[in-house]
Amino acid sequence: MGLSDVDCAGPRHLPPSAAPSAIRGRQILERLFSVAKIDNASAIAESLIAEFGSFAAVLYSDSRSAKSNPGRAILSLVREAMLVSSKDKMLDRVCLSKAGDVIEYLIVAMAQLPVEEVRVLFLDSKNRLISDEVVSRGSISEAPIYPREILKRALALDASAMILAHNHPSGDPNPSDGDIEATCRLLKAAKELGLAVHDHIIVGSEGWISLRDRVAFQ
């Protein structure tokens, strides 16, 4: 079950509607802050768009100050709501065989993160989700993929298969040599244990890529 459902091996670009213009982004932020009765809603919205460039970039910016910043707290709640909604939509399926729902969830969860993050969807024999886990976090340009730890967790969960995913904070989803090498190592080790790796998805603000286009998964 690959998530690549088109023949092109290049990146799948996100539609323009996934990245609102700066003006539209400012309007959305201003409305959110106004509804939340935050003072100077217009000025705060304009300042955030000027700093980050788009609504999406503001939404996924560092939220560590959320508790002390009402505006950031609102945005943190919006992002959480989007993530829950997307995940619920994905889990409404009997199994994870609909590529669009999985990709949508991964984009919401990871595409705009400021550092690389490796996530694994652990599945049962009918491709139903057992667990969705972040297995490592790294820097702005790299996050380690540890096949041994991933497979150890898969066995502990009695999983039959998995979908690996990580993000590129640069926005460009094209894989590095290291991404391909790590995928090959995981595939080889998983095969020895009788576990299937359905795909390795890389997401970024510019789109997403399925490594089934670049690596032999059989």
N, C-alpha and C. Protein backbone atom coordinates (compact mmCIF):
# COMPACT_ATOMS: atom_id res chain seq x y z
N MET A 1 0.83 -1.19 0.00
CA MET A 1 0.00 0.00 0.00
C MET A 1 0.87 1.24 0.00
N GLY A 2 1.18 1.74 -1.16
CA GLY A 2 1.94 2.97 -1.23
C GLY A 2 1.02 4.16 -1.22
N LEU A 3 1.53 5.29 -0.79
CA LEU A 3 0.72 6.50 -0.80
C LEU A 3 0.95 7.30 -2.06
N SER A 4 1.81 6.81 -2.95
CA SER A 4 2.05 7.49 -4.21
C SER A 4 0.99 7.05 -5.20
N ASP A 5 0.08 7.97 -5.56
CA ASP A 5 -1.00 7.58 -6.45
C ASP A 5 -0.97 8.32 -7.78
N VAL A 6 0.21 8.87 -8.12
CA VAL A 6 0.39 9.45 -9.43
C VAL A 6 1.71 8.96 -9.99
N ASP A 7 1.87 9.05 -11.29
CA ASP A 7 3.05 8.49 -11.91
C ASP A 7 4.29 9.37 -11.77
N CYS A 8 4.10 10.69 -11.64
CA CYS A 8 5.22 11.60 -11.59
C CYS A 8 6.07 11.36 -10.35
N ALA A 9 7.40 11.33 -10.53
CA ALA A 9 8.29 11.07 -9.40
C ALA A 9 8.73 12.35 -8.72
N GLY A 10 8.29 13.50 -9.21
CA GLY A 10 8.67 14.77 -8.61
C GLY A 10 7.80 15.11 -7.44
N PRO A 11 8.09 16.25 -6.79
CA PRO A 11 7.29 16.64 -5.64
C PRO A 11 5.86 17.00 -6.01
N ARG A 12 4.93 16.65 -5.12
CA ARG A 12 3.54 17.06 -5.30
C ARG A 12 3.40 18.39 -4.61
N HIS A 13 3.08 19.43 -5.35
CA HIS A 13 3.03 20.77 -4.77
C HIS A 13 1.69 21.02 -4.11
N LEU A 14 1.74 21.74 -3.01
CA LEU A 14 0.53 22.10 -2.32
C LEU A 14 -0.22 23.14 -3.14
N PRO A 15 -1.55 23.06 -3.18
CA PRO A 15 -2.32 24.03 -3.94
C PRO A 15 -2.23 25.41 -3.33
N PRO A 16 -2.42 26.46 -4.13
CA PRO A 16 -2.33 27.82 -3.60
C PRO A 16 -3.23 28.06 -2.41
N SER A 17 -4.39 27.38 -2.36
CA SER A 17 -5.32 27.59 -1.26
C SER A 17 -4.76 27.13 0.07
N ALA A 18 -3.70 26.27 0.04
CA ALA A 18 -3.08 25.81 1.29
C ALA A 18 -2.15 26.87 1.87
N ALA A 19 -1.84 27.92 1.10
CA ALA A 19 -0.95 28.97 1.57
C ALA A 19 -1.59 30.32 1.28
N PRO A 20 -2.48 30.81 2.15
CA PRO A 20 -3.19 32.07 1.90
C PRO A 20 -2.22 33.22 1.71
N SER A 21 -2.63 34.24 0.98
CA SER A 21 -1.80 35.41 0.76
C SER A 21 -1.57 36.14 2.07
N ALA A 22 -0.58 37.03 2.07
CA ALA A 22 -0.28 37.78 3.29
C ALA A 22 -1.47 38.62 3.72
N ILE A 23 -2.19 39.19 2.76
CA ILE A 23 -3.35 40.03 3.10
C ILE A 23 -4.45 39.18 3.74
N ARG A 24 -4.76 38.05 3.12
CA ARG A 24 -5.78 37.17 3.67
C ARG A 24 -5.35 36.65 5.03
N GLY A 25 -4.08 36.32 5.18
CA GLY A 25 -3.58 35.83 6.46
C GLY A 25 -3.73 36.86 7.55
N ARG A 26 -3.42 38.14 7.21
CA ARG A 26 -3.58 39.20 8.20
C ARG A 26 -5.04 39.35 8.61
N GLN A 27 -5.94 39.24 7.64
CA GLN A 27 -7.37 39.36 7.93
C GLN A 27 -7.85 38.25 8.86
N ILE A 28 -7.38 37.04 8.61
CA ILE A 28 -7.77 35.90 9.46
C ILE A 28 -7.27 36.11 10.89
N LEU A 29 -6.00 36.51 11.00
CA LEU A 29 -5.43 36.73 12.33
C LEU A 29 -6.18 37.85 13.07
N GLU A 30 -6.47 38.92 12.35
CA GLU A 30 -7.18 40.04 12.98
C GLU A 30 -8.55 39.61 13.49
N ARG A 31 -9.25 38.81 12.71
CA ARG A 31 -10.57 38.33 13.13
C ARG A 31 -10.46 37.42 14.35
N LEU A 32 -9.48 36.53 14.34
CA LEU A 32 -9.27 35.63 15.49
C LEU A 32 -9.00 36.42 16.76
N PHE A 33 -8.09 37.39 16.64
CA PHE A 33 -7.72 38.17 17.82
C PHE A 33 -8.87 39.05 18.29
N SER A 34 -9.66 39.55 17.34
CA SER A 34 -10.80 40.39 17.71
C SER A 34 -11.85 39.58 18.45
N VAL A 35 -12.14 38.37 17.94
CA VAL A 35 -13.11 37.49 18.59
C VAL A 35 -12.65 37.15 20.00
N ALA A 36 -11.33 36.98 20.16
CA ALA A 36 -10.77 36.65 21.47
C ALA A 36 -10.61 37.89 22.36
N LYS A 37 -11.04 39.05 21.82
CA LYS A 37 -10.99 40.32 22.57
C LYS A 37 -9.57 40.68 22.99
N ILE A 38 -8.63 40.45 22.08
CA ILE A 38 -7.24 40.82 22.32
C ILE A 38 -7.04 42.25 21.84
N ASP A 39 -6.48 43.10 22.69
CA ASP A 39 -6.26 44.50 22.33
C ASP A 39 -5.32 44.62 21.13
N ASN A 40 -5.51 45.66 20.34
CA ASN A 40 -4.65 45.96 19.19
C ASN A 40 -4.58 44.79 18.22
N ALA A 41 -5.74 44.14 17.99
CA ALA A 41 -5.77 42.95 17.13
C ALA A 41 -5.17 43.22 15.76
N SER A 42 -5.53 44.34 15.17
CA SER A 42 -5.05 44.65 13.81
C SER A 42 -3.54 44.82 13.78
N ALA A 43 -3.00 45.56 14.74
CA ALA A 43 -1.57 45.82 14.78
C ALA A 43 -0.78 44.53 15.04
N ILE A 44 -1.29 43.68 15.93
CA ILE A 44 -0.61 42.42 16.23
C ILE A 44 -0.62 41.51 15.01
N ALA A 45 -1.76 41.44 14.32
CA ALA A 45 -1.85 40.60 13.11
C ALA A 45 -0.88 41.07 12.05
N GLU A 46 -0.85 42.39 11.84
CA GLU A 46 0.06 42.94 10.82
C GLU A 46 1.51 42.68 11.18
N SER A 47 1.85 42.80 12.46
CA SER A 47 3.22 42.56 12.92
C SER A 47 3.64 41.11 12.70
N LEU A 48 2.73 40.17 13.01
CA LEU A 48 3.06 38.76 12.86
C LEU A 48 3.24 38.37 11.39
N ILE A 49 2.37 38.89 10.52
CA ILE A 49 2.51 38.59 9.09
C ILE A 49 3.80 39.19 8.56
N ALA A 50 4.15 40.38 9.01
CA ALA A 50 5.39 41.01 8.58
C ALA A 50 6.60 40.19 9.02
N GLU A 51 6.51 39.61 10.21
CA GLU A 51 7.63 38.83 10.74
C GLU A 51 7.78 37.46 10.07
N PHE A 52 6.64 36.77 9.85
CA PHE A 52 6.70 35.39 9.38
C PHE A 52 6.31 35.21 7.91
N GLY A 53 5.58 36.16 7.34
CA GLY A 53 5.31 36.12 5.91
C GLY A 53 3.97 35.55 5.48
N SER A 54 3.37 34.68 6.28
CA SER A 54 2.09 34.08 5.91
C SER A 54 1.36 33.58 7.15
N PHE A 55 0.06 33.33 6.97
CA PHE A 55 -0.72 32.81 8.09
C PHE A 55 -0.19 31.45 8.54
N ALA A 56 0.14 30.58 7.58
CA ALA A 56 0.63 29.25 7.92
C ALA A 56 1.92 29.33 8.72
N ALA A 57 2.83 30.21 8.31
CA ALA A 57 4.11 30.35 9.02
C ALA A 57 3.89 30.86 10.43
N VAL A 58 2.95 31.79 10.60
CA VAL A 58 2.63 32.30 11.94
C VAL A 58 2.03 31.17 12.79
N LEU A 59 1.10 30.43 12.20
CA LEU A 59 0.40 29.37 12.92
C LEU A 59 1.36 28.32 13.45
N TYR A 60 2.41 28.01 12.68
CA TYR A 60 3.33 26.95 13.07
C TYR A 60 4.63 27.50 13.66
N SER A 61 4.66 28.79 13.98
CA SER A 61 5.85 29.36 14.59
C SER A 61 5.99 28.85 16.02
N ASP A 62 7.15 29.10 16.59
CA ASP A 62 7.45 28.61 17.94
C ASP A 62 6.36 29.02 18.92
N SER A 63 5.73 28.02 19.56
CA SER A 63 4.60 28.30 20.46
C SER A 63 4.99 28.21 21.93
N ARG A 64 6.28 28.24 22.22
CA ARG A 64 6.70 28.09 23.62
C ARG A 64 6.24 29.26 24.49
N SER A 65 5.97 30.41 23.85
CA SER A 65 5.52 31.58 24.61
C SER A 65 4.00 31.66 24.69
N ALA A 66 3.30 30.60 24.28
CA ALA A 66 1.84 30.64 24.19
C ALA A 66 1.18 30.97 25.54
N LYS A 67 1.73 30.44 26.62
CA LYS A 67 1.08 30.65 27.92
C LYS A 67 1.09 32.11 28.34
N SER A 68 2.11 32.83 27.94
CA SER A 68 2.22 34.23 28.35
C SER A 68 1.79 35.20 27.26
N ASN A 69 1.40 34.69 26.11
CA ASN A 69 1.02 35.53 24.98
C ASN A 69 -0.36 35.09 24.49
N PRO A 70 -1.40 35.89 24.76
CA PRO A 70 -2.76 35.48 24.38
C PRO A 70 -2.91 35.19 22.90
N GLY A 71 -2.25 35.99 22.05
CA GLY A 71 -2.34 35.76 20.61
C GLY A 71 -1.78 34.42 20.22
N ARG A 72 -0.61 34.09 20.74
CA ARG A 72 0.01 32.80 20.44
C ARG A 72 -0.81 31.65 21.02
N ALA A 73 -1.44 31.88 22.17
CA ALA A 73 -2.28 30.84 22.78
C ALA A 73 -3.45 30.50 21.86
N ILE A 74 -4.06 31.54 21.27
CA ILE A 74 -5.17 31.32 20.33
C ILE A 74 -4.69 30.51 19.13
N LEU A 75 -3.53 30.88 18.59
CA LEU A 75 -3.00 30.19 17.42
C LEU A 75 -2.64 28.74 17.74
N SER A 76 -2.15 28.51 18.95
CA SER A 76 -1.84 27.15 19.36
C SER A 76 -3.09 26.28 19.39
N LEU A 77 -4.20 26.87 19.86
CA LEU A 77 -5.46 26.14 19.89
C LEU A 77 -5.98 25.87 18.48
N VAL A 78 -5.82 26.84 17.59
CA VAL A 78 -6.25 26.66 16.20
C VAL A 78 -5.48 25.52 15.55
N ARG A 79 -4.17 25.51 15.75
CA ARG A 79 -3.35 24.45 15.16
C ARG A 79 -3.75 23.09 15.72
N GLU A 80 -4.00 23.02 17.04
CA GLU A 80 -4.40 21.76 17.65
C GLU A 80 -5.74 21.29 17.09
N ALA A 81 -6.67 22.23 16.88
CA ALA A 81 -7.97 21.88 16.33
C ALA A 81 -7.83 21.33 14.91
N MET A 82 -6.97 21.95 14.11
CA MET A 82 -6.73 21.48 12.74
C MET A 82 -6.16 20.08 12.75
N LEU A 83 -5.23 19.83 13.66
CA LEU A 83 -4.58 18.53 13.73
C LEU A 83 -5.57 17.44 14.15
N VAL A 84 -6.39 17.74 15.14
CA VAL A 84 -7.38 16.76 15.61
C VAL A 84 -8.38 16.46 14.52
N SER A 85 -8.85 17.51 13.83
CA SER A 85 -9.83 17.34 12.76
C SER A 85 -9.27 16.48 11.64
N SER A 86 -8.03 16.76 11.26
CA SER A 86 -7.40 16.01 10.18
C SER A 86 -7.17 14.56 10.57
N LYS A 87 -6.75 14.35 11.82
CA LYS A 87 -6.50 12.98 12.29
C LYS A 87 -7.81 12.21 12.39
N ASP A 88 -8.87 12.86 12.88
CA ASP A 88 -10.17 12.20 12.98
C ASP A 88 -10.67 11.78 11.61
N LYS A 89 -10.46 12.64 10.62
CA LYS A 89 -10.88 12.33 9.25
C LYS A 89 -10.13 11.11 8.75
N MET A 90 -8.83 11.05 9.05
CA MET A 90 -8.03 9.91 8.62
C MET A 90 -8.50 8.63 9.31
N LEU A 91 -8.82 8.73 10.62
CA LEU A 91 -9.20 7.55 11.38
C LEU A 91 -10.63 7.11 11.11
N ASP A 92 -11.42 7.98 10.48
CA ASP A 92 -12.77 7.59 10.11
C ASP A 92 -12.77 6.47 9.07
N ARG A 93 -11.67 6.34 8.36
CA ARG A 93 -11.55 5.28 7.35
C ARG A 93 -11.37 3.94 8.05
N VAL A 94 -11.88 2.88 7.43
CA VAL A 94 -11.71 1.55 7.99
C VAL A 94 -10.23 1.21 8.08
N CYS A 95 -9.48 1.66 7.08
CA CYS A 95 -8.03 1.44 7.09
C CYS A 95 -7.37 2.63 6.41
N LEU A 96 -6.07 2.70 6.52
CA LEU A 96 -5.34 3.82 5.95
C LEU A 96 -4.99 3.57 4.49
N SER A 97 -6.00 3.30 3.68
CA SER A 97 -5.75 3.02 2.28
C SER A 97 -6.05 4.22 1.40
N LYS A 98 -6.60 5.28 1.97
CA LYS A 98 -6.88 6.48 1.20
C LYS A 98 -5.73 7.45 1.38
N ALA A 99 -4.92 7.58 0.34
CA ALA A 99 -3.69 8.36 0.43
C ALA A 99 -3.96 9.81 0.81
N GLY A 100 -5.01 10.40 0.24
CA GLY A 100 -5.26 11.81 0.47
C GLY A 100 -5.43 12.17 1.93
N ASP A 101 -6.12 11.33 2.70
CA ASP A 101 -6.35 11.61 4.11
C ASP A 101 -5.05 11.53 4.91
N VAL A 102 -4.22 10.55 4.58
CA VAL A 102 -2.95 10.40 5.28
C VAL A 102 -2.04 11.58 4.99
N ILE A 103 -1.95 11.95 3.70
CA ILE A 103 -1.10 13.08 3.31
C ILE A 103 -1.60 14.37 3.96
N GLU A 104 -2.91 14.57 3.96
CA GLU A 104 -3.47 15.78 4.57
C GLU A 104 -3.09 15.86 6.04
N TYR A 105 -3.20 14.73 6.73
CA TYR A 105 -2.85 14.71 8.16
C TYR A 105 -1.37 15.03 8.36
N LEU A 106 -0.50 14.43 7.56
CA LEU A 106 0.94 14.66 7.71
C LEU A 106 1.30 16.10 7.41
N ILE A 107 0.65 16.70 6.43
CA ILE A 107 0.92 18.09 6.09
C ILE A 107 0.53 19.00 7.26
N VAL A 108 -0.66 18.78 7.82
CA VAL A 108 -1.11 19.59 8.95
C VAL A 108 -0.19 19.39 10.15
N ALA A 109 0.20 18.15 10.39
CA ALA A 109 1.00 17.82 11.58
C ALA A 109 2.44 18.27 11.48
N MET A 110 3.01 18.31 10.25
CA MET A 110 4.46 18.43 10.15
C MET A 110 5.00 19.46 9.18
N ALA A 111 4.24 19.84 8.17
CA ALA A 111 4.83 20.59 7.06
C ALA A 111 5.47 21.92 7.46
N GLN A 112 4.95 22.55 8.50
CA GLN A 112 5.45 23.87 8.88
C GLN A 112 6.28 23.87 10.15
N LEU A 113 6.67 22.71 10.63
CA LEU A 113 7.46 22.66 11.86
C LEU A 113 8.83 23.32 11.66
N PRO A 114 9.36 23.99 12.69
CA PRO A 114 10.63 24.70 12.54
C PRO A 114 11.86 23.79 12.57
N VAL A 115 11.70 22.56 13.06
CA VAL A 115 12.81 21.60 13.06
C VAL A 115 12.31 20.28 12.46
N GLU A 116 13.26 19.44 12.05
CA GLU A 116 12.88 18.15 11.49
C GLU A 116 12.34 17.23 12.58
N GLU A 117 11.33 16.47 12.20
CA GLU A 117 10.67 15.53 13.11
C GLU A 117 10.38 14.26 12.34
N VAL A 118 10.64 13.12 12.96
CA VAL A 118 10.36 11.82 12.33
C VAL A 118 9.16 11.21 13.02
N ARG A 119 8.15 10.85 12.23
CA ARG A 119 6.90 10.31 12.75
C ARG A 119 6.65 8.94 12.10
N VAL A 120 6.08 8.02 12.87
CA VAL A 120 5.74 6.71 12.33
C VAL A 120 4.28 6.39 12.64
N LEU A 121 3.55 5.98 11.61
CA LEU A 121 2.20 5.46 11.79
C LEU A 121 2.30 3.94 11.82
N PHE A 122 2.06 3.34 12.97
CA PHE A 122 2.15 1.89 13.13
C PHE A 122 0.78 1.29 12.83
N LEU A 123 0.75 0.26 11.97
CA LEU A 123 -0.51 -0.30 11.48
C LEU A 123 -0.63 -1.78 11.80
N ASP A 124 -1.88 -2.27 11.86
CA ASP A 124 -2.10 -3.71 12.04
C ASP A 124 -2.18 -4.38 10.68
N SER A 125 -2.52 -5.64 10.66
CA SER A 125 -2.51 -6.41 9.41
C SER A 125 -3.56 -5.95 8.41
N LYS A 126 -4.56 -5.16 8.88
CA LYS A 126 -5.58 -4.62 7.99
C LYS A 126 -5.36 -3.14 7.70
N ASN A 127 -4.15 -2.69 7.99
CA ASN A 127 -3.75 -1.29 7.77
C ASN A 127 -4.56 -0.30 8.62
N ARG A 128 -5.03 -0.76 9.78
CA ARG A 128 -5.68 0.14 10.72
C ARG A 128 -4.63 0.70 11.66
N LEU A 129 -4.79 1.97 12.00
CA LEU A 129 -3.79 2.63 12.82
C LEU A 129 -3.79 2.10 14.25
N ILE A 130 -2.62 1.66 14.70
CA ILE A 130 -2.44 1.25 16.09
C ILE A 130 -1.95 2.42 16.92
N SER A 131 -0.94 3.10 16.36
CA SER A 131 -0.35 4.23 17.10
C SER A 131 0.33 5.19 16.13
N ASP A 132 0.25 6.46 16.45
CA ASP A 132 0.90 7.53 15.69
C ASP A 132 1.91 8.17 16.62
N GLU A 133 3.20 8.02 16.34
CA GLU A 133 4.22 8.45 17.29
C GLU A 133 5.35 9.23 16.63
N VAL A 134 5.78 10.28 17.31
CA VAL A 134 6.99 10.99 16.92
C VAL A 134 8.16 10.23 17.54
N VAL A 135 9.05 9.72 16.69
CA VAL A 135 10.14 8.86 17.19
C VAL A 135 11.45 9.60 17.34
N SER A 136 11.58 10.77 16.73
CA SER A 136 12.78 11.58 16.95
C SER A 136 12.57 13.00 16.46
N ARG A 137 13.30 13.92 17.07
CA ARG A 137 13.33 15.31 16.63
C ARG A 137 14.78 15.73 16.47
N GLY A 138 15.01 16.65 15.56
CA GLY A 138 16.38 17.06 15.30
C GLY A 138 16.53 18.55 15.17
N SER A 139 17.33 18.95 14.20
CA SER A 139 17.63 20.36 13.97
C SER A 139 16.82 20.87 12.79
N ILE A 140 17.16 22.07 12.35
CA ILE A 140 16.46 22.65 11.21
C ILE A 140 16.77 21.90 9.92
N SER A 141 17.84 21.10 9.91
CA SER A 141 18.24 20.43 8.67
C SER A 141 18.35 18.91 8.78
N GLU A 142 18.16 18.36 9.97
CA GLU A 142 18.35 16.91 10.10
C GLU A 142 17.67 16.37 11.35
N ALA A 143 17.08 15.19 11.20
CA ALA A 143 16.55 14.44 12.35
C ALA A 143 16.96 12.99 12.16
N PRO A 144 17.45 12.35 13.19
CA PRO A 144 17.94 10.98 13.03
C PRO A 144 16.82 9.97 12.85
N ILE A 145 17.06 9.00 11.99
CA ILE A 145 16.14 7.87 11.80
C ILE A 145 16.85 6.63 12.31
N TYR A 146 16.33 6.05 13.38
CA TYR A 146 16.96 4.89 14.00
C TYR A 146 16.14 3.64 13.70
N PRO A 147 16.49 2.86 12.68
CA PRO A 147 15.70 1.67 12.34
C PRO A 147 15.52 0.72 13.51
N ARG A 148 16.56 0.53 14.31
CA ARG A 148 16.47 -0.41 15.43
C ARG A 148 15.37 0.00 16.40
N GLU A 149 15.33 1.29 16.75
CA GLU A 149 14.33 1.77 17.70
C GLU A 149 12.93 1.73 17.11
N ILE A 150 12.82 2.06 15.83
CA ILE A 150 11.51 2.03 15.17
C ILE A 150 10.96 0.60 15.14
N LEU A 151 11.81 -0.35 14.78
CA LEU A 151 11.37 -1.74 14.69
C LEU A 151 11.10 -2.33 16.07
N LYS A 152 11.88 -1.93 17.04
CA LYS A 152 11.65 -2.37 18.42
C LYS A 152 10.27 -1.92 18.88
N ARG A 153 9.92 -0.69 18.56
CA ARG A 153 8.60 -0.17 18.93
C ARG A 153 7.50 -0.89 18.17
N ALA A 154 7.73 -1.17 16.89
CA ALA A 154 6.73 -1.89 16.08
C ALA A 154 6.43 -3.26 16.68
N LEU A 155 7.47 -3.95 17.10
CA LEU A 155 7.28 -5.28 17.70
C LEU A 155 6.54 -5.17 19.03
N ALA A 156 6.85 -4.13 19.80
CA ALA A 156 6.19 -3.95 21.09
C ALA A 156 4.69 -3.69 20.91
N LEU A 157 4.35 -3.02 19.80
CA LEU A 157 2.95 -2.71 19.52
C LEU A 157 2.25 -3.84 18.76
N ASP A 158 3.01 -4.89 18.41
CA ASP A 158 2.49 -5.98 17.60
C ASP A 158 1.98 -5.46 16.24
N ALA A 159 2.70 -4.49 15.70
CA ALA A 159 2.34 -3.92 14.40
C ALA A 159 2.76 -4.85 13.28
N SER A 160 2.04 -4.78 12.18
CA SER A 160 2.39 -5.56 10.99
C SER A 160 3.03 -4.70 9.91
N ALA A 161 2.79 -3.39 9.99
CA ALA A 161 3.29 -2.50 8.95
C ALA A 161 3.43 -1.10 9.53
N MET A 162 4.02 -0.22 8.73
CA MET A 162 4.21 1.16 9.19
C MET A 162 4.34 2.10 8.00
N ILE A 163 4.06 3.35 8.26
CA ILE A 163 4.32 4.43 7.32
C ILE A 163 5.24 5.41 8.03
N LEU A 164 6.39 5.66 7.42
CA LEU A 164 7.37 6.58 7.99
C LEU A 164 7.17 7.96 7.35
N ALA A 165 7.36 9.00 8.13
CA ALA A 165 7.23 10.35 7.58
C ALA A 165 8.18 11.29 8.31
N HIS A 166 8.68 12.28 7.59
CA HIS A 166 9.40 13.36 8.25
C HIS A 166 9.25 14.63 7.43
N ASN A 167 9.60 15.75 8.02
CA ASN A 167 9.42 17.04 7.38
C ASN A 167 10.76 17.69 7.04
N HIS A 168 10.73 18.60 6.10
CA HIS A 168 11.88 19.43 5.76
C HIS A 168 11.53 20.88 6.04
N PRO A 169 12.06 21.47 7.11
CA PRO A 169 11.76 22.86 7.42
C PRO A 169 12.13 23.85 6.31
N SER A 170 13.02 23.46 5.43
CA SER A 170 13.39 24.33 4.31
C SER A 170 12.22 24.53 3.36
N GLY A 171 11.23 23.63 3.43
CA GLY A 171 10.09 23.70 2.53
C GLY A 171 10.19 22.75 1.36
N ASP A 172 11.40 22.44 0.93
CA ASP A 172 11.63 21.57 -0.22
C ASP A 172 11.55 20.11 0.22
N PRO A 173 10.59 19.32 -0.28
CA PRO A 173 10.45 17.95 0.18
C PRO A 173 11.38 16.94 -0.50
N ASN A 174 12.18 17.38 -1.45
CA ASN A 174 13.05 16.43 -2.13
C ASN A 174 14.00 15.74 -1.15
N PRO A 175 14.17 14.42 -1.27
CA PRO A 175 14.98 13.67 -0.30
C PRO A 175 16.47 13.91 -0.46
N SER A 176 17.16 13.86 0.65
CA SER A 176 18.62 13.91 0.63
C SER A 176 19.15 12.50 0.45
N ASP A 177 20.43 12.37 0.19
CA ASP A 177 21.04 11.04 0.11
C ASP A 177 20.86 10.30 1.43
N GLY A 178 20.94 11.07 2.53
CA GLY A 178 20.77 10.45 3.85
C GLY A 178 19.36 9.92 4.06
N ASP A 179 18.36 10.63 3.53
CA ASP A 179 16.98 10.16 3.63
C ASP A 179 16.81 8.82 2.91
N ILE A 180 17.37 8.74 1.73
CA ILE A 180 17.25 7.51 0.93
C ILE A 180 18.01 6.37 1.59
N GLU A 181 19.20 6.67 2.08
CA GLU A 181 20.01 5.63 2.74
C GLU A 181 19.31 5.10 3.99
N ALA A 182 18.76 5.99 4.80
CA ALA A 182 18.07 5.57 6.02
C ALA A 182 16.84 4.74 5.70
N THR A 183 16.13 5.12 4.63
CA THR A 183 14.95 4.36 4.21
C THR A 183 15.34 2.95 3.79
N CYS A 184 16.42 2.84 3.05
CA CYS A 184 16.88 1.52 2.60
C CYS A 184 17.28 0.64 3.78
N ARG A 185 17.93 1.24 4.77
CA ARG A 185 18.33 0.47 5.96
C ARG A 185 17.10 -0.02 6.72
N LEU A 186 16.10 0.85 6.84
CA LEU A 186 14.88 0.45 7.54
C LEU A 186 14.15 -0.65 6.78
N LEU A 187 14.07 -0.52 5.47
CA LEU A 187 13.40 -1.55 4.66
C LEU A 187 14.08 -2.90 4.81
N LYS A 188 15.40 -2.90 4.76
CA LYS A 188 16.14 -4.15 4.87
C LYS A 188 15.93 -4.81 6.23
N ALA A 189 16.00 -4.01 7.30
CA ALA A 189 15.83 -4.56 8.65
C ALA A 189 14.38 -5.02 8.88
N ALA A 190 13.42 -4.25 8.37
CA ALA A 190 12.02 -4.62 8.54
C ALA A 190 11.70 -5.92 7.83
N LYS A 191 12.26 -6.11 6.66
CA LYS A 191 12.01 -7.33 5.89
C LYS A 191 12.47 -8.56 6.65
N GLU A 192 13.59 -8.45 7.34
CA GLU A 192 14.11 -9.56 8.12
C GLU A 192 13.15 -9.95 9.25
N LEU A 193 12.37 -8.98 9.72
CA LEU A 193 11.44 -9.23 10.82
C LEU A 193 10.01 -9.49 10.33
N GLY A 194 9.83 -9.50 9.03
CA GLY A 194 8.50 -9.74 8.48
C GLY A 194 7.56 -8.57 8.62
N LEU A 195 8.11 -7.37 8.73
CA LEU A 195 7.30 -6.15 8.85
C LEU A 195 7.32 -5.38 7.54
N ALA A 196 6.19 -4.81 7.18
CA ALA A 196 6.09 -4.04 5.94
C ALA A 196 6.25 -2.55 6.21
N VAL A 197 7.01 -1.89 5.35
CA VAL A 197 7.09 -0.43 5.36
C VAL A 197 6.38 0.03 4.10
N HIS A 198 5.19 0.60 4.26
CA HIS A 198 4.39 0.95 3.09
C HIS A 198 4.94 2.15 2.34
N ASP A 199 5.50 3.10 3.07
CA ASP A 199 5.98 4.31 2.40
C ASP A 199 6.80 5.14 3.37
N HIS A 200 7.58 6.05 2.80
CA HIS A 200 8.27 7.08 3.57
C HIS A 200 7.91 8.40 2.90
N ILE A 201 7.14 9.22 3.61
CA ILE A 201 6.65 10.48 3.08
C ILE A 201 7.47 11.64 3.65
N ILE A 202 7.90 12.52 2.77
CA ILE A 202 8.58 13.75 3.21
C ILE A 202 7.67 14.92 2.86
N VAL A 203 7.41 15.76 3.86
CA VAL A 203 6.54 16.92 3.64
C VAL A 203 7.29 18.22 3.93
N GLY A 204 6.88 19.25 3.25
CA GLY A 204 7.43 20.59 3.47
C GLY A 204 6.39 21.60 3.04
N SER A 205 6.67 22.87 3.27
CA SER A 205 5.71 23.90 2.91
C SER A 205 5.47 23.99 1.41
N GLU A 206 6.41 23.44 0.61
CA GLU A 206 6.27 23.49 -0.85
C GLU A 206 5.59 22.26 -1.44
N GLY A 207 5.36 21.23 -0.63
CA GLY A 207 4.71 20.04 -1.15
C GLY A 207 5.13 18.79 -0.41
N TRP A 208 4.99 17.65 -1.06
CA TRP A 208 5.35 16.37 -0.43
C TRP A 208 5.88 15.39 -1.47
N ILE A 209 6.62 14.40 -0.97
CA ILE A 209 7.21 13.38 -1.84
C ILE A 209 7.04 12.01 -1.21
N SER A 210 6.76 11.01 -2.04
CA SER A 210 6.73 9.62 -1.61
C SER A 210 8.03 8.97 -2.05
N LEU A 211 8.74 8.36 -1.13
CA LEU A 211 10.00 7.71 -1.49
C LEU A 211 9.78 6.39 -2.22
N ARG A 212 8.54 5.96 -2.35
CA ARG A 212 8.29 4.78 -3.20
C ARG A 212 8.67 5.09 -4.64
N ASP A 213 8.75 6.35 -4.99
CA ASP A 213 9.16 6.75 -6.33
C ASP A 213 10.68 6.63 -6.51
N ARG A 214 11.40 6.56 -5.40
CA ARG A 214 12.86 6.59 -5.47
C ARG A 214 13.53 5.31 -4.96
N VAL A 215 12.80 4.53 -4.14
CA VAL A 215 13.38 3.36 -3.50
C VAL A 215 12.49 2.15 -3.75
N ALA A 216 13.09 0.98 -3.92
CA ALA A 216 12.32 -0.26 -4.13
C ALA A 216 11.80 -0.73 -2.78
N PHE A 217 10.48 -0.68 -2.59
CA PHE A 217 9.87 -1.06 -1.32
C PHE A 217 9.49 -2.54 -1.26
N GLN A 218 9.63 -3.26 -2.34
CA GLN A 218 9.26 -4.67 -2.33
C GLN A 218 10.44 -5.53 -1.89
